[in-house]
């Protein structure tokens, strides 16, 4: 099961345990996230900013490039929510 498909209270624990330092998993998570229920938990854990890297990656002479955008996910969820509100 994808972490993004888990209930947020359970999934946030899996995210924190598995995803930092794994750029492909971070990208997949943010691309597949569809529930705004995650947002308060992600914000509380500081996971709505730049991608998380391990201390070794951050200290490396060639740090990882940033290709993940939690902001894109927020825009997508916001647009979907706005569309639903307009239909009501």
C-alpha atoms as a PDB file:
ATOM      1  CA  UNK A   1       0.000   0.000   0.000  1.00  0.00           C
ATOM      2  CA  UNK A   2       1.260   3.469  -0.866  1.00  0.00           C
ATOM      3  CA  UNK A   3       1.840   5.704   2.127  1.00  0.00           C
ATOM      4  CA  UNK A   4      -0.379   8.365   0.525  1.00  0.00           C
ATOM      5  CA  UNK A   5      -3.263   5.837   0.533  1.00  0.00           C
ATOM      6  CA  UNK A   6      -2.963   5.196   4.264  1.00  0.00           C
ATOM      7  CA  UNK A   7      -5.047   7.050   6.827  1.00  0.00           C
ATOM      8  CA  UNK A   8      -3.014  10.205   7.571  1.00  0.00           C
ATOM      9  CA  UNK A   9      -2.450   9.446  11.277  1.00  0.00           C
ATOM     10  CA  UNK A  10      -0.816   6.102  10.366  1.00  0.00           C
ATOM     11  CA  UNK A  11       0.759   7.257   7.121  1.00  0.00           C
ATOM     12  CA  UNK A  12       2.615  10.202   8.641  1.00  0.00           C
ATOM     13  CA  UNK A  13       4.555   7.778  10.842  1.00  0.00           C
ATOM     14  CA  UNK A  14       5.501   5.677   7.806  1.00  0.00           C
ATOM     15  CA  UNK A  15       6.470   8.817   5.869  1.00  0.00           C
ATOM     16  CA  UNK A  16       8.792  10.026   8.622  1.00  0.00           C
ATOM     17  CA  UNK A  17      10.311   6.543   9.022  1.00  0.00           C
ATOM     18  CA  UNK A  18      10.802   5.689   5.332  1.00  0.00           C
ATOM     19  CA  UNK A  19      10.871   8.658   3.012  1.00  0.00           C
ATOM     20  CA  UNK A  20      13.439  11.275   4.139  1.00  0.00           C
ATOM     21  CA  UNK A  21      16.564  10.866   2.035  1.00  0.00           C
ATOM     22  CA  UNK A  22      14.768   8.880  -0.642  1.00  0.00           C
ATOM     23  CA  UNK A  23      13.986  11.381  -3.357  1.00  0.00           C
ATOM     24  CA  UNK A  24      12.013   9.001  -5.597  1.00  0.00           C
ATOM     25  CA  UNK A  25       9.737   7.996  -2.729  1.00  0.00           C
ATOM     26  CA  UNK A  26       9.190  11.633  -1.761  1.00  0.00           C
ATOM     27  CA  UNK A  27       8.259  12.442  -5.353  1.00  0.00           C
ATOM     28  CA  UNK A  28       5.877   9.490  -5.585  1.00  0.00           C
ATOM     29  CA  UNK A  29       4.254  10.400  -2.273  1.00  0.00           C
ATOM     30  CA  UNK A  30       3.579  14.013  -3.217  1.00  0.00           C
ATOM     31  CA  UNK A  31       2.395  13.081  -6.713  1.00  0.00           C
ATOM     32  CA  UNK A  32      -0.090  10.515  -5.385  1.00  0.00           C
ATOM     33  CA  UNK A  33      -1.362  12.484  -2.371  1.00  0.00           C
ATOM     34  CA  UNK A  34      -5.022  13.401  -2.906  1.00  0.00           C
ATOM     35  CA  UNK A  35      -6.427  14.029   0.551  1.00  0.00           C
ATOM     36  CA  UNK A  36      -6.327  17.395   2.237  1.00  0.00           C
ATOM     37  CA  UNK A  37      -6.568  15.491   5.535  1.00  0.00           C
ATOM     38  CA  UNK A  38      -2.795  15.035   5.318  1.00  0.00           C
ATOM     39  CA  UNK A  39      -2.013  18.747   5.246  1.00  0.00           C
ATOM     40  CA  UNK A  40      -2.153  19.562   8.993  1.00  0.00           C
ATOM     41  CA  UNK A  41       0.051  16.559   9.821  1.00  0.00           C
ATOM     42  CA  UNK A  42       2.566  17.336   7.071  1.00  0.00           C
ATOM     43  CA  UNK A  43       2.699  20.946   8.206  1.00  0.00           C
ATOM     44  CA  UNK A  44       3.113  19.971  11.864  1.00  0.00           C
ATOM     45  CA  UNK A  45       6.089  17.749  10.952  1.00  0.00           C
ATOM     46  CA  UNK A  46       7.624  20.440   8.704  1.00  0.00           C
ATOM     47  CA  UNK A  47       7.139  18.327   5.577  1.00  0.00           C
ATOM     48  CA  UNK A  48       5.571  20.906   3.291  1.00  0.00           C
ATOM     49  CA  UNK A  49       8.831  22.671   2.533  1.00  0.00           C
ATOM     50  CA  UNK A  50      11.870  21.570   0.625  1.00  0.00           C
ATOM     51  CA  UNK A  51      12.513  17.833   0.286  1.00  0.00           C
ATOM     52  CA  UNK A  52      14.140  16.017   3.160  1.00  0.00           C
ATOM     53  CA  UNK A  53      17.668  14.711   2.722  1.00  0.00           C
ATOM     54  CA  UNK A  54      19.897  12.695   4.988  1.00  0.00           C
ATOM     55  CA  UNK A  55      22.736  14.555   6.763  1.00  0.00           C
ATOM     56  CA  UNK A  56      25.203  12.751   4.479  1.00  0.00           C
ATOM     57  CA  UNK A  57      23.391  13.973   1.342  1.00  0.00           C
ATOM     58  CA  UNK A  58      23.243  17.526   2.652  1.00  0.00           C
ATOM     59  CA  UNK A  59      26.978  17.536   3.509  1.00  0.00           C
ATOM     60  CA  UNK A  60      28.028  15.967   0.208  1.00  0.00           C
ATOM     61  CA  UNK A  61      30.115  18.077  -2.227  1.00  0.00           C
ATOM     62  CA  UNK A  62      27.365  17.587  -4.811  1.00  0.00           C
ATOM     63  CA  UNK A  63      24.086  17.827  -2.879  1.00  0.00           C
ATOM     64  CA  UNK A  64      20.960  16.269  -4.414  1.00  0.00           C
ATOM     65  CA  UNK A  65      19.000  18.391  -6.829  1.00  0.00           C
ATOM     66  CA  UNK A  66      15.493  19.373  -5.819  1.00  0.00           C
ATOM     67  CA  UNK A  67      12.875  17.929  -8.144  1.00  0.00           C
ATOM     68  CA  UNK A  68      10.020  17.507  -5.688  1.00  0.00           C
ATOM     69  CA  UNK A  69       7.489  20.201  -5.114  1.00  0.00           C
ATOM     70  CA  UNK A  70       5.051  19.840  -2.239  1.00  0.00           C
ATOM     71  CA  UNK A  71       3.649  23.160  -3.488  1.00  0.00           C
ATOM     72  CA  UNK A  72       2.441  21.449  -6.693  1.00  0.00           C
ATOM     73  CA  UNK A  73       0.571  18.946  -4.555  1.00  0.00           C
ATOM     74  CA  UNK A  74      -1.011  21.715  -2.491  1.00  0.00           C
ATOM     75  CA  UNK A  75      -2.150  23.519  -5.656  1.00  0.00           C
ATOM     76  CA  UNK A  76      -3.617  20.305  -7.098  1.00  0.00           C
ATOM     77  CA  UNK A  77      -5.519  19.496  -3.888  1.00  0.00           C
ATOM     78  CA  UNK A  78      -6.686  23.099  -3.580  1.00  0.00           C
ATOM     79  CA  UNK A  79      -7.983  23.184  -7.162  1.00  0.00           C
ATOM     80  CA  UNK A  80      -9.849  19.916  -6.653  1.00  0.00           C
ATOM     81  CA  UNK A  81     -11.389  21.242  -3.450  1.00  0.00           C
ATOM     82  CA  UNK A  82     -12.361  24.491  -5.174  1.00  0.00           C
ATOM     83  CA  UNK A  83     -13.994  22.578  -8.008  1.00  0.00           C
ATOM     84  CA  UNK A  84     -15.996  20.458  -5.538  1.00  0.00           C
ATOM     85  CA  UNK A  85     -17.132  23.604  -3.708  1.00  0.00           C
ATOM     86  CA  UNK A  86     -18.332  25.163  -6.952  1.00  0.00           C
ATOM     87  CA  UNK A  87     -20.412  22.069  -7.720  1.00  0.00           C
ATOM     88  CA  UNK A  88     -22.247  22.200  -4.379  1.00  0.00           C
END
